[in-house]
């Protein structure tokens, strides 16, 4: 019997747990789902004969190692900063490890040791990163094998709300980690455009978005993601002239989010003393700082943002309740935590709401002295607030990979991301059975 440990039973774990449990009888898996919330883990296992739920506080080293030692592979759905400790445990105990998170420099440095111990540490195996890598590499290898030379690559992904469940002025609801949404883009975005390096600091990120047309879905906005340059070598595109990865949002979102950034509400670096005694109105007044202007807080915020008090941006801020006299009720919280707590309420999926994921790749290339452009697009909707497209597209690739690993079909050891055919070919083929299909257009 193969023993599989899943650490974390939260928002993105549902599809993964369901998939592994569905495969367990056929492949003789015993699936352990661990979480600090034991009731949540039990609900996800749902009394399956090949599953069990256990309590685990993953921040306690001895408890964590004791559990890991009893399993063959660990799927870590913990916050990214905790993966290193789990990875070090897996090295010491001789266990494989799989995550959906970006590879940190610290985890990457474990690569040689993992290879020496014949261990597989596969990372970035969710949606974005994950399916974006695999679907892109399929087409990159396809173009190269035909003799083509890729000159530009654009990749966009968005976790969104389906049009039929879109009932707020932001046209957005949470289908993944709210904290990651609030802190998205912090740092400096880097990409390559026509052979030139481009940098966009956080303070300008949500002002410098680009319009994108999605077939049958209309116009959207895209802002730049993290460091697009990281993937030149991984994708075998060392000589490419343009490489850009971005996040998709509804038209109007970026301008409004830029207002939150300018006000200071996405700042996670300092606590607001006695924040629980403030109202949101008080908080907005405080962020006006030294003000030479008269009028309401809303009018003065609009003046600071250089927009009309009745503008679309201000209507979005008002809809959030940022000018209300309602108490915050969070002690000594950072602005980012206050904003996250508010958005959790305002952007929650209702029970029957559907989320939507859009992913698009654009390849510009030369083949037989002709310039060509291929556009590859995925649009997928969830069924309800539990069975989300986000959960499926994060969880299914993880689950399929774990199955392949336990079947002995993965030979690539060390610390890797899923850019090799032995990984992406079987995963993408099985994902098609779950409705994960890309629509392609070529000109």
Protein backbone atom coordinates (compact mmCIF):
# COMPACT_ATOMS: atom_id res chain seq x y z
CA UNK A 1 0.00 0.00 0.00
CA UNK A 2 1.23 3.50 -0.90
CA UNK A 3 0.78 6.08 1.84
CA UNK A 4 -0.01 9.60 0.66
CA UNK A 5 -0.02 12.60 3.00
CA UNK A 6 -1.87 15.81 2.13
CA UNK A 7 -1.01 18.67 4.49
CA UNK A 8 -3.74 21.30 4.39
CA UNK A 9 -7.46 20.82 3.73
CA UNK A 10 -8.35 24.38 2.77
CA UNK A 11 -9.93 26.14 -0.20
CA UNK A 12 -7.75 24.59 -2.94
CA UNK A 13 -7.58 21.07 -1.50
CA UNK A 14 -11.07 19.76 -2.33
CA UNK A 15 -10.49 18.58 -5.91
CA UNK A 16 -7.10 17.11 -5.03
CA UNK A 17 -8.51 15.09 -2.11
CA UNK A 18 -11.51 13.90 -4.13
CA UNK A 19 -9.30 12.80 -7.02
CA UNK A 20 -6.75 10.90 -4.91
CA UNK A 21 -9.52 9.19 -2.93
CA UNK A 22 -11.26 8.18 -6.19
CA UNK A 23 -8.01 6.57 -7.38
CA UNK A 24 -7.18 4.96 -4.03
CA UNK A 25 -9.11 1.65 -4.31
CA UNK A 26 -7.73 0.92 -7.79
CA UNK A 27 -4.11 1.75 -6.93
CA UNK A 28 -4.07 0.66 -3.28
CA UNK A 29 -3.49 4.13 -1.82
CA UNK A 30 -4.06 5.13 1.80
CA UNK A 31 -4.71 8.86 1.86
CA UNK A 32 -4.11 10.92 5.02
CA UNK A 33 -5.51 14.45 5.09
CA UNK A 34 -4.03 16.57 7.87
CA UNK A 35 -5.05 20.00 9.05
CA UNK A 36 -5.06 22.09 12.22
CA UNK A 37 -8.86 22.08 11.78
CA UNK A 38 -9.63 18.37 12.22
CA UNK A 39 -13.33 18.83 11.42
CA UNK A 40 -12.45 20.41 8.08
CA UNK A 41 -10.17 17.47 7.27
CA UNK A 42 -12.91 15.00 8.25
CA UNK A 43 -15.43 16.72 6.00
CA UNK A 44 -13.03 16.50 3.06
CA UNK A 45 -12.30 12.79 3.64
CA UNK A 46 -16.03 12.10 4.13
CA UNK A 47 -15.56 8.62 5.70
CA UNK A 48 -13.87 7.22 2.59
CA UNK A 49 -12.60 3.67 3.18
CA UNK A 50 -9.13 4.57 1.84
CA UNK A 51 -8.89 7.91 3.64
CA UNK A 52 -8.37 9.23 7.12
CA UNK A 53 -8.27 12.68 8.69
CA UNK A 54 -5.76 13.66 11.35
CA UNK A 55 -5.02 16.78 13.35
CA UNK A 56 -1.67 18.39 12.59
CA UNK A 57 -0.21 21.74 13.50
CA UNK A 58 2.46 21.85 10.77
CA UNK A 59 4.37 24.57 12.62
CA UNK A 60 5.35 22.03 15.32
CA UNK A 61 8.49 20.26 13.97
CA UNK A 62 8.26 17.06 16.02
CA UNK A 63 4.59 16.44 15.21
CA UNK A 64 5.17 17.24 11.55
CA UNK A 65 8.17 14.90 11.18
CA UNK A 66 6.38 12.09 12.99
CA UNK A 67 3.53 12.24 10.48
CA UNK A 68 5.75 12.66 7.39
CA UNK A 69 7.86 9.65 8.42
CA UNK A 70 4.87 7.33 8.00
CA UNK A 71 4.16 8.26 4.36
CA UNK A 72 5.73 7.81 0.91
CA UNK A 73 4.90 11.20 -0.57
CA UNK A 74 3.89 14.56 0.91
CA UNK A 75 1.60 17.01 -0.89
CA UNK A 76 2.10 20.35 0.83
CA UNK A 77 -0.74 22.87 0.55
CA UNK A 78 0.72 24.97 3.36
CA UNK A 79 1.49 28.70 3.03
CA UNK A 80 4.59 29.12 0.79
CA UNK A 81 6.88 30.19 3.64
CA UNK A 82 6.41 26.77 5.30
CA UNK A 83 7.46 24.62 2.33
CA UNK A 84 11.17 24.83 3.16
CA UNK A 85 10.72 23.16 6.56
CA UNK A 86 8.60 20.40 5.02
CA UNK A 87 11.18 19.96 2.23
CA UNK A 88 14.01 19.65 4.74
CA UNK A 89 12.02 17.02 6.64
CA UNK A 90 11.39 15.10 3.41
CA UNK A 91 15.13 15.14 2.59
CA UNK A 92 16.01 13.86 6.07
CA UNK A 93 13.29 11.18 6.03
CA UNK A 94 13.66 10.14 2.37
CA UNK A 95 10.17 11.19 1.19
CA UNK A 96 8.96 12.66 -2.11
CA UNK A 97 7.31 16.10 -2.02
CA UNK A 98 4.81 17.83 -4.32
CA UNK A 99 3.52 21.43 -4.13
CA UNK A 100 1.57 23.94 -6.19
CA UNK A 101 3.73 26.84 -4.98
CA UNK A 102 6.57 28.75 -6.62
CA UNK A 103 10.04 27.32 -5.98
CA UNK A 104 11.88 29.45 -3.44
CA UNK A 105 15.64 29.87 -3.70
CA UNK A 106 16.03 27.92 -0.45
CA UNK A 107 14.03 24.94 -1.74
CA UNK A 108 15.87 25.08 -5.09
CA UNK A 109 19.19 24.68 -3.26
CA UNK A 110 18.00 21.28 -2.00
CA UNK A 111 18.04 19.93 -5.57
CA UNK A 112 21.40 18.16 -5.46
CA UNK A 113 20.62 16.48 -2.16
CA UNK A 114 17.20 15.36 -3.41
CA UNK A 115 18.80 13.85 -6.55
CA UNK A 116 21.43 12.05 -4.50
CA UNK A 117 18.64 10.45 -2.48
CA UNK A 118 16.57 9.69 -5.63
CA UNK A 119 13.76 11.93 -4.36
CA UNK A 120 11.22 13.78 -6.51
CA UNK A 121 10.45 17.36 -5.41
CA UNK A 122 7.94 18.67 -7.97
CA UNK A 123 6.81 22.28 -7.51
CA UNK A 124 4.61 24.80 -9.36
CA UNK A 125 2.11 22.05 -10.20
CA UNK A 126 -1.22 23.82 -9.79
CA UNK A 127 -2.93 26.27 -12.14
CA UNK A 128 -0.64 29.31 -12.40
CA UNK A 129 2.03 28.18 -11.83
CA UNK A 130 1.34 24.68 -13.14
CA UNK A 131 -1.08 24.19 -16.01
CA UNK A 132 0.38 27.36 -17.55
CA UNK A 133 3.83 25.71 -17.66
CA UNK A 134 2.56 22.41 -19.03
CA UNK A 135 0.21 23.78 -21.69
CA UNK A 136 2.83 26.30 -22.82
CA UNK A 137 5.58 23.68 -23.06
CA UNK A 138 3.38 21.42 -25.19
CA UNK A 139 3.02 24.15 -27.78
CA UNK A 140 6.62 25.41 -27.49
CA UNK A 141 7.92 21.90 -28.23
CA UNK A 142 5.34 21.52 -31.01
CA UNK A 143 6.51 24.74 -32.70
CA UNK A 144 10.21 23.94 -32.26
CA UNK A 145 9.80 20.37 -33.53
CA UNK A 146 8.23 21.78 -36.70
CA UNK A 147 11.29 24.00 -37.19
CA UNK A 148 9.74 27.22 -35.90
CA UNK A 149 11.55 30.01 -34.05
CA UNK A 150 9.55 31.66 -31.26
CA UNK A 151 10.04 35.43 -31.08
CA UNK A 152 7.38 36.42 -28.52
CA UNK A 153 5.46 34.65 -25.76
CA UNK A 154 2.61 36.08 -23.69
CA UNK A 155 0.82 34.14 -20.95
CA UNK A 156 -2.18 35.42 -18.96
CA UNK A 157 -4.27 33.77 -16.23
CA UNK A 158 -7.12 34.98 -14.05
CA UNK A 159 -9.16 33.42 -11.25
CA UNK A 160 -12.44 35.28 -11.73
CA UNK A 161 -16.18 35.14 -11.17
CA UNK A 162 -18.42 33.66 -13.88
CA UNK A 163 -20.63 36.23 -15.67
CA UNK A 164 -23.83 34.60 -14.35
CA UNK A 165 -22.60 35.08 -10.75
CA UNK A 166 -21.16 38.57 -11.28
CA UNK A 167 -23.29 40.86 -9.12
CA UNK A 168 -20.93 43.49 -7.70
CA UNK A 169 -19.26 46.58 -9.23
CA UNK A 170 -15.76 45.10 -8.90
CA UNK A 171 -16.79 42.08 -11.03
CA UNK A 172 -14.65 39.91 -8.76
CA UNK A 173 -15.04 37.31 -6.00
CA UNK A 174 -12.56 35.15 -4.10
CA UNK A 175 -11.91 31.65 -5.37
CA UNK A 176 -8.38 31.34 -3.93
CA UNK A 177 -6.23 32.66 -1.09
CA UNK A 178 -7.55 36.15 -0.22
CA UNK A 179 -4.24 37.24 1.30
CA UNK A 180 -2.43 36.51 -1.96
CA UNK A 181 -4.94 38.71 -3.80
CA UNK A 182 -4.42 41.61 -1.39
CA UNK A 183 -0.62 41.39 -1.57
CA UNK A 184 -0.44 40.58 -5.30
CA UNK A 185 2.17 42.45 -7.30
CA UNK A 186 4.22 43.77 -4.40
CA UNK A 187 7.84 44.11 -5.45
CA UNK A 188 8.86 44.89 -9.03
CA UNK A 189 7.47 43.16 -12.10
CA UNK A 190 10.07 42.24 -14.73
CA UNK A 191 9.59 41.18 -18.34
CA UNK A 192 11.15 41.42 -21.79
CA UNK A 193 9.72 43.52 -24.62
CA UNK A 194 11.26 43.66 -28.09
CA UNK A 195 14.65 42.69 -26.73
CA UNK A 196 14.60 45.25 -23.90
CA UNK A 197 14.29 44.62 -20.17
CA UNK A 198 11.23 46.25 -18.59
CA UNK A 199 10.56 46.92 -14.91
CA UNK A 200 7.32 48.10 -13.29
CA UNK A 201 7.50 48.95 -9.56
CA UNK A 202 4.46 48.19 -7.41
CA UNK A 203 3.36 51.82 -7.19
CA UNK A 204 2.81 51.85 -10.98
CA UNK A 205 1.79 48.24 -11.58
CA UNK A 206 -1.98 48.70 -11.63
CA UNK A 207 -1.73 51.80 -13.81
CA UNK A 208 0.28 50.10 -16.54
CA UNK A 209 -2.09 47.33 -17.56
CA UNK A 210 -2.79 46.17 -21.09
CA UNK A 211 -6.12 45.30 -22.78
CA UNK A 212 -6.56 41.68 -23.90
CA UNK A 213 -9.30 40.12 -25.98
CA UNK A 214 -10.44 36.63 -24.98
CA UNK A 215 -12.36 34.71 -27.68
CA UNK A 216 -16.10 34.72 -26.91
CA UNK A 217 -15.41 36.48 -23.57
CA UNK A 218 -14.64 40.03 -24.78
CA UNK A 219 -12.18 42.58 -23.40
CA UNK A 220 -10.20 42.19 -20.16
CA UNK A 221 -7.26 43.86 -18.43
CA UNK A 222 -3.87 42.28 -17.68
CA UNK A 223 -1.23 43.50 -15.24
CA UNK A 224 2.33 42.14 -15.18
CA UNK A 225 3.22 39.15 -13.00
CA UNK A 226 6.29 38.90 -10.78
CA UNK A 227 9.42 37.98 -12.78
CA UNK A 228 8.61 36.72 -16.28
CA UNK A 229 12.35 36.38 -16.98
CA UNK A 230 12.66 33.40 -14.62
CA UNK A 231 11.14 31.13 -17.23
CA UNK A 232 13.32 31.88 -20.25
CA UNK A 233 15.72 29.04 -19.44
CA UNK A 234 13.02 26.71 -18.08
CA UNK A 235 11.02 27.09 -21.31
CA UNK A 236 14.11 26.91 -23.56
CA UNK A 237 13.48 30.46 -24.82
CA UNK A 238 16.89 31.99 -24.06
CA UNK A 239 16.95 34.05 -27.28
CA UNK A 240 13.34 35.24 -27.26
CA UNK A 241 12.77 38.99 -27.73
CA UNK A 242 9.44 39.37 -25.86
CA UNK A 243 8.28 37.41 -22.81
CA UNK A 244 5.42 38.60 -20.62
CA UNK A 245 3.33 36.81 -17.98
CA UNK A 246 0.31 38.57 -16.51
CA UNK A 247 -2.88 38.35 -14.41
CA UNK A 248 -6.33 38.84 -15.97
CA UNK A 249 -8.92 41.10 -14.37
CA UNK A 250 -12.26 42.60 -15.46
CA UNK A 251 -12.16 45.98 -17.19
CA UNK A 252 -12.05 48.71 -14.50
CA UNK A 253 -10.55 46.53 -11.76
CA UNK A 254 -6.97 47.75 -12.09
CA UNK A 255 -7.83 51.47 -11.79
CA UNK A 256 -9.84 50.80 -8.64
CA UNK A 257 -7.18 48.54 -7.12
CA UNK A 258 -4.58 51.18 -7.92
CA UNK A 259 -6.64 53.57 -5.77
CA UNK A 260 -6.36 51.14 -2.81
CA UNK A 261 -2.59 50.96 -3.36
CA UNK A 262 -2.26 54.76 -3.50
CA UNK A 263 -4.33 55.22 -0.34
CA UNK A 264 -2.10 52.71 1.49
CA UNK A 265 -4.63 49.96 2.20
CA UNK A 266 -2.48 47.12 0.79
CA UNK A 267 0.42 47.88 3.15
CA UNK A 268 1.28 44.89 5.38
CA UNK A 269 4.36 46.43 7.02
CA UNK A 270 2.91 48.16 10.09
CA UNK A 271 0.09 47.63 12.62
CA UNK A 272 -2.47 50.36 13.22
CA UNK A 273 -2.60 50.94 16.97
CA UNK A 274 -6.08 50.40 18.41
CA UNK A 275 -7.47 49.68 14.97
CA UNK A 276 -10.42 47.90 16.60
CA UNK A 277 -11.64 51.24 17.92
CA UNK A 278 -11.67 52.89 14.49
CA UNK A 279 -14.38 52.97 11.86
CA UNK A 280 -13.56 52.58 8.17
CA UNK A 281 -14.36 56.29 7.85
CA UNK A 282 -11.75 57.04 10.55
CA UNK A 283 -9.21 54.90 8.71
CA UNK A 284 -9.75 56.75 5.44
CA UNK A 285 -9.47 60.06 7.27
CA UNK A 286 -6.18 58.90 8.80
CA UNK A 287 -4.77 57.95 5.39
CA UNK A 288 -5.44 61.44 4.08
CA UNK A 289 -2.53 62.60 6.24
CA UNK A 290 -1.96 66.35 6.30
CA UNK A 291 -4.87 67.73 4.34
CA UNK A 292 -5.26 71.30 3.07
CA UNK A 293 -8.71 70.61 1.68
CA UNK A 294 -12.19 70.89 3.14
CA UNK A 295 -15.19 68.72 2.47
CA UNK A 296 -16.18 65.14 3.23
CA UNK A 297 -13.64 62.35 3.57
CA UNK A 298 -14.94 60.87 0.33
CA UNK A 299 -14.45 64.17 -1.52
CA UNK A 300 -10.94 64.59 -0.14
CA UNK A 301 -9.98 61.01 -1.04
CA UNK A 302 -11.28 61.65 -4.57
CA UNK A 303 -9.15 64.82 -4.75
CA UNK A 304 -6.08 62.90 -3.53
CA UNK A 305 -6.73 60.25 -6.21
CA UNK A 306 -7.31 62.98 -8.82
CA UNK A 307 -10.70 61.62 -9.77
CA UNK A 308 -14.33 62.75 -9.57
CA UNK A 309 -16.24 61.81 -6.36
CA UNK A 310 -18.83 60.11 -8.58
CA UNK A 311 -16.30 58.27 -10.73
CA UNK A 312 -16.38 54.52 -11.28
CA UNK A 313 -13.35 54.14 -9.00
CA UNK A 314 -14.97 56.02 -6.12
CA UNK A 315 -18.20 54.06 -6.52
CA UNK A 316 -16.22 50.84 -6.11
CA UNK A 317 -14.53 52.16 -2.94
CA UNK A 318 -17.87 53.30 -1.53
CA UNK A 319 -19.49 49.92 -2.30
CA UNK A 320 -16.79 48.26 -0.17
CA UNK A 321 -17.94 50.39 2.77
CA UNK A 322 -14.69 52.32 3.15
CA UNK A 323 -16.52 55.56 3.99
CA UNK A 324 -18.97 54.00 6.44
CA UNK A 325 -19.06 54.60 10.22
CA UNK A 326 -18.88 50.85 10.83
CA UNK A 327 -16.27 49.64 13.36
CA UNK A 328 -13.31 47.62 12.11
CA UNK A 329 -13.17 45.15 15.08
CA UNK A 330 -9.59 43.97 14.41
CA UNK A 331 -6.96 44.69 17.05
CA UNK A 332 -3.68 46.31 15.99
CA UNK A 333 -4.15 45.09 12.42
CA UNK A 334 -2.13 46.12 9.39
CA UNK A 335 -3.95 48.01 6.62
CA UNK A 336 -3.64 44.93 4.39
CA UNK A 337 -5.26 42.70 7.01
CA UNK A 338 -8.09 45.18 7.51
CA UNK A 339 -8.67 45.27 3.75
CA UNK A 340 -8.49 41.46 3.48
CA UNK A 341 -11.05 41.06 6.27
CA UNK A 342 -13.41 43.50 4.55
CA UNK A 343 -13.01 41.86 1.13
CA UNK A 344 -13.62 38.40 2.60
CA UNK A 345 -17.10 39.61 3.39
CA UNK A 346 -17.77 41.65 0.25
CA UNK A 347 -16.20 39.30 -2.31
CA UNK A 348 -17.39 35.95 -0.90
CA UNK A 349 -18.83 33.40 -3.30
CA UNK A 350 -22.45 32.63 -2.41
CA UNK A 351 -23.27 28.89 -2.15
CA UNK A 352 -24.47 28.57 -5.75
CA UNK A 353 -22.06 31.09 -7.27
CA UNK A 354 -19.73 29.90 -10.01
CA UNK A 355 -16.13 30.99 -10.36
CA UNK A 356 -14.29 31.09 -13.69
CA UNK A 357 -10.69 30.61 -14.75
CA UNK A 358 -9.32 32.10 -17.96
CA UNK A 359 -5.87 31.22 -19.28
CA UNK A 360 -4.44 32.42 -22.58
CA UNK A 361 -1.06 31.87 -24.25
CA UNK A 362 0.03 33.82 -27.33
CA UNK A 363 3.01 32.58 -29.38
CA UNK A 364 4.53 34.65 -32.15
CA UNK A 365 6.97 32.68 -34.27
CA UNK A 366 8.63 32.32 -37.65
CA UNK A 367 8.25 29.14 -39.70
CA UNK A 368 9.33 28.64 -43.31
CA UNK A 369 10.05 32.39 -43.62
CA UNK A 370 6.51 33.29 -42.59
CA UNK A 371 5.45 35.10 -39.42
CA UNK A 372 2.77 33.26 -37.50
CA UNK A 373 0.72 33.78 -34.36
CA UNK A 374 -0.92 31.05 -32.28
CA UNK A 375 -3.43 31.85 -29.53
CA UNK A 376 -4.35 29.09 -27.07
CA UNK A 377 -7.21 29.80 -24.65
CA UNK A 378 -8.81 27.93 -21.75
CA UNK A 379 -12.09 29.06 -20.14
CA UNK A 380 -13.49 26.92 -17.34
CA UNK A 381 -16.30 27.51 -14.84
CA UNK A 382 -16.97 25.90 -11.48
CA UNK A 383 -20.26 24.33 -10.40
CA UNK A 384 -20.74 26.16 -7.09
CA UNK A 385 -18.75 27.73 -4.25
CA UNK A 386 -17.37 24.34 -3.14
CA UNK A 387 -16.74 22.72 -6.52
CA UNK A 388 -14.79 25.60 -8.05
CA UNK A 389 -12.83 25.76 -11.28
CA UNK A 390 -9.91 27.07 -9.23
CA UNK A 391 -9.95 24.06 -6.90
CA UNK A 392 -10.14 21.66 -9.86
CA UNK A 393 -7.36 23.32 -11.82
CA UNK A 394 -5.05 23.51 -8.80
CA UNK A 395 -5.90 20.09 -7.35
CA UNK A 396 -6.22 17.83 -10.38
CA UNK A 397 -2.65 18.29 -11.73
CA UNK A 398 -1.30 17.61 -8.24
CA UNK A 399 -3.42 14.49 -7.90
CA UNK A 400 -2.58 13.10 -11.34
CA UNK A 401 1.14 13.65 -10.73
CA UNK A 402 1.02 11.89 -7.36
CA UNK A 403 -0.70 8.91 -9.03
CA UNK A 404 1.99 8.79 -11.75
CA UNK A 405 4.74 9.06 -9.13
CA UNK A 406 3.31 6.22 -7.05
CA UNK A 407 3.02 4.10 -10.22
CA UNK A 408 6.75 4.56 -10.87
CA UNK A 409 6.16 6.56 -14.06
CA UNK A 410 8.20 9.62 -13.01
CA UNK A 411 11.98 9.33 -13.34
CA UNK A 412 13.03 12.98 -12.96
CA UNK A 413 14.49 13.42 -9.47
CA UNK A 414 15.61 16.62 -7.74
CA UNK A 415 13.80 19.95 -7.43
CA UNK A 416 11.84 20.68 -10.62
CA UNK A 417 8.84 22.34 -12.22
CA UNK A 418 6.61 20.46 -14.74
CA UNK A 419 8.27 21.42 -18.03
CA UNK A 420 9.38 17.93 -19.15
CA UNK A 421 7.26 15.72 -21.47
CA UNK A 422 7.16 12.76 -19.07
CA UNK A 423 5.22 15.02 -16.69
CA UNK A 424 3.12 17.31 -18.85
CA UNK A 425 2.02 14.85 -21.55
CA UNK A 426 0.12 12.39 -19.29
CA UNK A 427 -1.20 15.14 -17.01
CA UNK A 428 -2.56 17.29 -19.85
CA UNK A 429 -4.05 14.20 -21.53
CA UNK A 430 -5.94 13.20 -18.37
CA UNK A 431 -7.01 16.78 -17.66
CA UNK A 432 -8.87 16.76 -20.99
CA UNK A 433 -11.13 14.08 -19.51
CA UNK A 434 -12.13 16.67 -16.88
CA UNK A 435 -12.99 19.34 -19.44
CA UNK A 436 -9.63 21.13 -19.46
CA UNK A 437 -9.41 21.95 -23.17
CA UNK A 438 -7.62 24.80 -24.91
CA UNK A 439 -9.18 26.49 -27.94
CA UNK A 440 -6.49 27.29 -30.52
CA UNK A 441 -6.42 29.88 -33.27
CA UNK A 442 -3.54 30.38 -35.68
CA UNK A 443 -2.88 33.13 -38.20
